[in-house]
Amino acid sequence: MVIFFKMIVKSKISKILFTLIVFTYPILFSSVVEASSPSFTFYPSSGIVKDREEGFTVDVLVDSGEYDLSKARMVVNFDPRVLQISKASKNNSLFNQWPEDESTLDNTNGVVMLTGFTQSGSGTMYKTSGDSDVFARLEFDIVTEEEANISLEWEFSGSDELFQTVLVTDGSPPRNILTSRPKDGEYRFGELSQTAIEGKHIPFLVGGFLILSAGVLITSRPEVMRKKFGTVVVYEK
């Protein structure tokens, strides 16, 4: 009788375990093999700024998912009455080229645009391996004397046009695989526990992009000055 009872209990336990395996295996398996979605994100995506005199730093992360990218362009809007961008450093290791006429710091209209590009056949396409890579590091000064919320907003329409955020695959024809608008960054005054990512993970081009005045650029390269009203196109030195 005892043996028979043990057999029944063992049978029921086996059925329960089998049911759990059947229903949980697809979930566990899919979480392992499913590739991450192509994305741009801010790091940190929110926080509290401790000292307005010191400003704050935000990293822009890129993830290509399972795709090989020939181009990635970030376009971020900010309120120039609250913020002014002092520096934008690009991760020079991700793409072969960073076209001058698609790289802009505009403290009049509040626009930051950086574009990385690798010509098909001229180099290795960018593909994320593991965690997201740092695409750029943005450094802002706070210029308002009043308490105010800070927003970094993505310019996104889904189309591959100048002043639109895109992630473009290599192919014929190229295709924008960024299908949804990235999440905006939201910040406020106070204490920001961590800004950006440790520098050792970011092989930035030394010196990065420095904000230049419109007057200097008008005399040095007038033909690419007016990509958008008030826009300053940034050049490397």
Protein backbone atom coordinates (compact mmCIF):
# COMPACT_ATOMS: atom_id res chain seq x y z
CA MET A 1 0.00 0.00 0.00
CA VAL A 2 2.82 2.39 0.92
CA ILE A 3 4.69 1.54 -2.27
CA PHE A 4 1.55 2.12 -4.34
CA PHE A 5 1.03 5.51 -2.68
CA LYS A 6 4.63 6.54 -3.39
CA MET A 7 4.18 5.58 -7.04
CA ILE A 8 1.11 7.82 -7.32
CA VAL A 9 2.90 10.77 -5.70
CA LYS A 10 5.95 10.28 -7.91
CA SER A 11 3.75 10.16 -11.00
CA LYS A 12 1.98 13.39 -10.08
CA ILE A 13 5.29 15.17 -9.42
CA SER A 14 6.63 14.00 -12.77
CA LYS A 15 3.53 15.37 -14.53
CA ILE A 16 3.88 18.73 -12.77
CA LEU A 17 7.56 19.00 -13.68
CA PHE A 18 6.83 18.03 -17.28
CA THR A 19 4.12 20.70 -17.51
CA LEU A 20 6.43 23.37 -16.10
CA ILE A 21 9.18 22.47 -18.56
CA VAL A 22 6.81 22.47 -21.53
CA PHE A 23 5.39 25.91 -20.72
CA THR A 24 8.51 27.67 -19.46
CA TYR A 25 11.07 26.35 -21.95
CA PRO A 26 9.86 28.45 -24.91
CA ILE A 27 9.91 31.56 -22.73
CA LEU A 28 13.39 30.92 -21.37
CA PHE A 29 14.74 29.86 -24.73
CA SER A 30 13.32 32.84 -26.59
CA SER A 31 14.83 35.26 -24.06
CA VAL A 32 18.25 33.80 -24.80
CA VAL A 33 18.16 33.64 -28.58
CA GLU A 34 16.03 36.68 -29.35
CA ALA A 35 18.19 39.48 -30.69
CA SER A 36 17.87 42.95 -29.22
CA SER A 37 15.95 45.51 -31.23
CA PRO A 38 17.83 48.27 -33.07
CA SER A 39 17.81 51.35 -30.86
CA PHE A 40 19.25 54.66 -29.73
CA THR A 41 19.06 55.37 -26.00
CA PHE A 42 20.28 57.97 -23.53
CA TYR A 43 22.42 56.99 -20.54
CA PRO A 44 21.32 57.98 -18.03
CA SER A 45 17.80 58.38 -19.44
CA SER A 46 16.67 60.43 -16.43
CA GLY A 47 18.10 61.92 -13.28
CA ILE A 48 18.61 64.98 -11.12
CA VAL A 49 21.37 67.48 -11.85
CA LYS A 50 23.33 68.38 -8.72
CA ASP A 51 25.03 71.61 -9.70
CA ARG A 52 23.85 73.79 -12.55
CA GLU A 53 27.24 75.52 -12.63
CA GLU A 54 28.89 72.23 -13.63
CA GLY A 55 26.22 71.22 -16.16
CA PHE A 56 25.82 67.55 -16.98
CA THR A 57 26.91 64.79 -19.37
CA VAL A 58 24.77 62.25 -21.21
CA ASP A 59 25.87 59.34 -23.39
CA VAL A 60 24.00 58.25 -26.50
CA LEU A 61 24.02 54.47 -26.84
CA VAL A 62 23.47 52.58 -30.09
CA ASP A 63 22.40 48.99 -30.66
CA SER A 64 22.19 47.57 -34.18
CA GLY A 65 20.39 44.40 -33.09
CA GLU A 66 21.14 41.61 -35.55
CA TYR A 67 21.83 43.98 -38.44
CA ASP A 68 24.97 45.36 -40.08
CA LEU A 69 24.75 49.14 -40.25
CA SER A 70 26.24 51.36 -42.90
CA LYS A 71 24.94 54.53 -41.27
CA ALA A 72 23.69 55.79 -37.92
CA ARG A 73 22.46 59.34 -37.41
CA MET A 74 21.33 60.87 -34.12
CA VAL A 75 19.37 64.12 -34.05
CA VAL A 76 18.51 65.46 -30.61
CA ASN A 77 16.56 68.61 -29.77
CA PHE A 78 16.92 70.64 -26.58
CA ASP A 79 15.60 73.95 -25.26
CA PRO A 80 18.33 76.55 -25.87
CA ARG A 81 16.76 78.82 -23.24
CA VAL A 82 17.62 76.16 -20.64
CA LEU A 83 20.66 74.37 -22.11
CA GLN A 84 23.62 75.07 -24.34
CA ILE A 85 25.74 72.23 -25.67
CA SER A 86 29.42 72.77 -24.95
CA LYS A 87 30.87 69.60 -26.45
CA ALA A 88 29.80 66.54 -28.45
CA SER A 89 32.33 63.70 -28.73
CA LYS A 90 31.81 60.88 -31.21
CA ASN A 91 32.96 57.27 -30.88
CA ASN A 92 35.31 57.26 -33.84
CA SER A 93 35.76 53.47 -33.80
CA LEU A 94 32.21 52.61 -34.92
CA PHE A 95 32.22 54.05 -38.46
CA ASN A 96 34.84 54.99 -41.05
CA GLN A 97 33.45 58.43 -41.76
CA TRP A 98 31.61 61.18 -39.89
CA PRO A 99 30.40 63.49 -42.68
CA GLU A 100 30.91 67.15 -41.90
CA ASP A 101 27.70 68.24 -43.61
CA GLU A 102 25.69 65.85 -41.41
CA SER A 103 27.25 66.88 -38.08
CA THR A 104 25.76 69.87 -36.34
CA LEU A 105 25.79 71.65 -33.00
CA ASP A 106 23.20 74.39 -33.01
CA ASN A 107 22.83 76.41 -29.82
CA THR A 108 20.40 78.81 -31.51
CA ASN A 109 17.72 76.30 -32.43
CA GLY A 110 18.74 73.63 -29.93
CA VAL A 111 19.85 70.80 -32.22
CA VAL A 112 22.63 68.20 -32.04
CA MET A 113 23.24 65.98 -35.07
CA LEU A 114 26.04 63.43 -35.53
CA THR A 115 26.25 60.88 -38.35
CA GLY A 116 28.51 57.86 -38.67
CA PHE A 117 28.91 56.25 -42.09
CA THR A 118 30.82 53.37 -43.68
CA GLN A 119 30.73 53.02 -47.46
CA SER A 120 29.82 49.55 -48.69
CA GLY A 121 32.97 47.73 -49.75
CA SER A 122 35.28 50.24 -48.07
CA GLY A 123 35.20 48.88 -44.54
CA THR A 124 33.46 46.72 -41.98
CA MET A 125 29.84 47.54 -41.30
CA TYR A 126 28.98 48.31 -37.70
CA LYS A 127 27.25 45.58 -35.69
CA THR A 128 26.71 45.61 -31.95
CA SER A 129 28.38 42.76 -30.11
CA GLY A 130 26.99 42.26 -26.63
CA ASP A 131 25.97 45.44 -24.80
CA SER A 132 25.10 48.66 -26.58
CA ASP A 133 28.02 50.84 -27.65
CA VAL A 134 28.48 54.50 -26.86
CA PHE A 135 27.77 56.41 -30.05
CA ALA A 136 28.41 59.89 -28.67
CA ARG A 137 28.89 61.82 -25.44
CA LEU A 138 27.04 65.12 -25.02
CA GLU A 139 28.09 67.78 -22.53
CA PHE A 140 25.66 70.56 -21.65
CA ASP A 141 25.81 73.84 -19.77
CA ILE A 142 22.71 75.03 -17.92
CA VAL A 143 22.06 78.66 -18.79
CA THR A 144 18.77 79.39 -17.08
CA GLU A 145 18.67 80.89 -13.59
CA GLU A 146 15.20 79.49 -12.96
CA GLU A 147 14.24 75.99 -11.86
CA ALA A 148 13.20 74.03 -14.94
CA ASN A 149 12.80 70.50 -16.20
CA ILE A 150 15.31 69.42 -18.84
CA SER A 151 14.26 67.41 -21.89
CA LEU A 152 16.38 65.84 -24.62
CA GLU A 153 14.03 64.94 -27.46
CA TRP A 154 14.68 62.79 -30.51
CA GLU A 155 13.93 64.07 -33.99
CA PHE A 156 12.33 61.07 -35.70
CA SER A 157 10.01 60.54 -38.66
CA GLY A 158 10.98 57.04 -39.78
CA SER A 159 12.49 58.30 -43.03
CA ASP A 160 16.16 58.60 -43.92
CA GLU A 161 16.34 62.35 -44.33
CA LEU A 162 18.76 64.96 -43.06
CA PHE A 163 17.89 66.02 -39.50
CA GLN A 164 16.11 62.71 -38.84
CA THR A 165 17.36 59.96 -36.52
CA VAL A 166 18.02 56.70 -38.40
CA LEU A 167 19.82 53.37 -38.29
CA VAL A 168 20.44 52.24 -41.87
CA THR A 169 21.44 48.75 -43.02
CA ASP A 170 23.91 48.00 -45.76
CA GLY A 171 22.12 46.70 -48.85
CA SER A 172 20.41 47.57 -52.08
CA PRO A 173 18.48 49.60 -51.35
CA PRO A 174 19.60 50.67 -47.85
CA ARG A 175 16.85 50.43 -45.24
CA ASN A 176 16.13 52.33 -42.05
CA ILE A 177 15.57 49.69 -39.34
CA LEU A 178 14.80 52.15 -36.56
CA THR A 179 11.04 51.68 -36.60
CA SER A 180 9.99 53.66 -33.53
CA ARG A 181 10.93 56.94 -31.93
CA PRO A 182 13.56 56.50 -29.20
CA LYS A 183 12.67 57.45 -25.63
CA ASP A 184 13.41 61.04 -24.68
CA GLY A 185 15.70 61.95 -21.79
CA GLU A 186 14.07 63.68 -18.82
CA TYR A 187 16.11 65.44 -16.12
CA ARG A 188 15.73 68.07 -13.38
CA PHE A 189 17.90 70.05 -10.99
CA GLY A 190 19.25 68.37 -7.85
CA GLU A 191 21.75 65.52 -7.57
CA LEU A 192 22.47 63.24 -10.51
CA SER A 193 23.90 60.01 -9.11
CA GLN A 194 25.80 59.00 -12.26
CA THR A 195 26.39 60.81 -15.52
CA ALA A 196 27.49 58.94 -18.60
CA ILE A 197 29.65 55.80 -18.73
CA GLU A 198 33.21 55.25 -17.60
CA GLY A 199 35.65 56.61 -20.16
CA LYS A 200 37.57 53.36 -20.51
CA HIS A 201 34.65 51.87 -22.46
CA ILE A 202 34.60 54.69 -25.00
CA PRO A 203 37.38 55.04 -27.61
CA PHE A 204 36.42 58.62 -28.46
CA LEU A 205 38.31 60.66 -30.96
CA VAL A 206 40.62 62.81 -28.84
CA GLY A 207 39.18 66.26 -28.47
CA GLY A 208 35.80 65.24 -29.86
CA PHE A 209 33.65 67.90 -31.46
CA LEU A 210 34.00 71.37 -29.99
CA ILE A 211 31.33 73.97 -30.37
CA LEU A 212 32.36 76.58 -32.92
CA SER A 213 30.91 79.98 -33.62
CA ALA A 214 28.82 80.68 -36.69
CA GLY A 215 31.10 83.55 -37.67
CA VAL A 216 34.15 81.32 -37.96
CA LEU A 217 32.32 78.77 -40.07
CA ILE A 218 30.79 81.31 -42.42
CA THR A 219 34.27 82.37 -43.49
CA SER A 220 35.81 78.91 -43.54
CA ARG A 221 33.17 76.79 -45.33
CA PRO A 222 30.13 78.80 -46.44
CA GLU A 223 28.76 76.23 -48.89
CA VAL A 224 27.66 73.81 -46.13
CA MET A 225 26.72 76.40 -43.52
CA ARG A 226 22.99 76.58 -44.06
CA LYS A 227 21.65 73.06 -43.72
CA LYS A 228 18.92 74.43 -41.48
CA PHE A 229 18.26 77.99 -40.43
CA GLY A 230 20.70 78.98 -37.73
CA THR A 231 22.61 75.71 -37.87
CA VAL A 232 26.33 75.56 -37.22
CA VAL A 233 28.14 72.70 -38.95
CA VAL A 234 30.99 71.32 -36.90
CA TYR A 235 34.41 70.48 -38.33
CA GLU A 236 37.26 68.48 -36.88
CA LYS A 237 40.66 70.02 -36.38
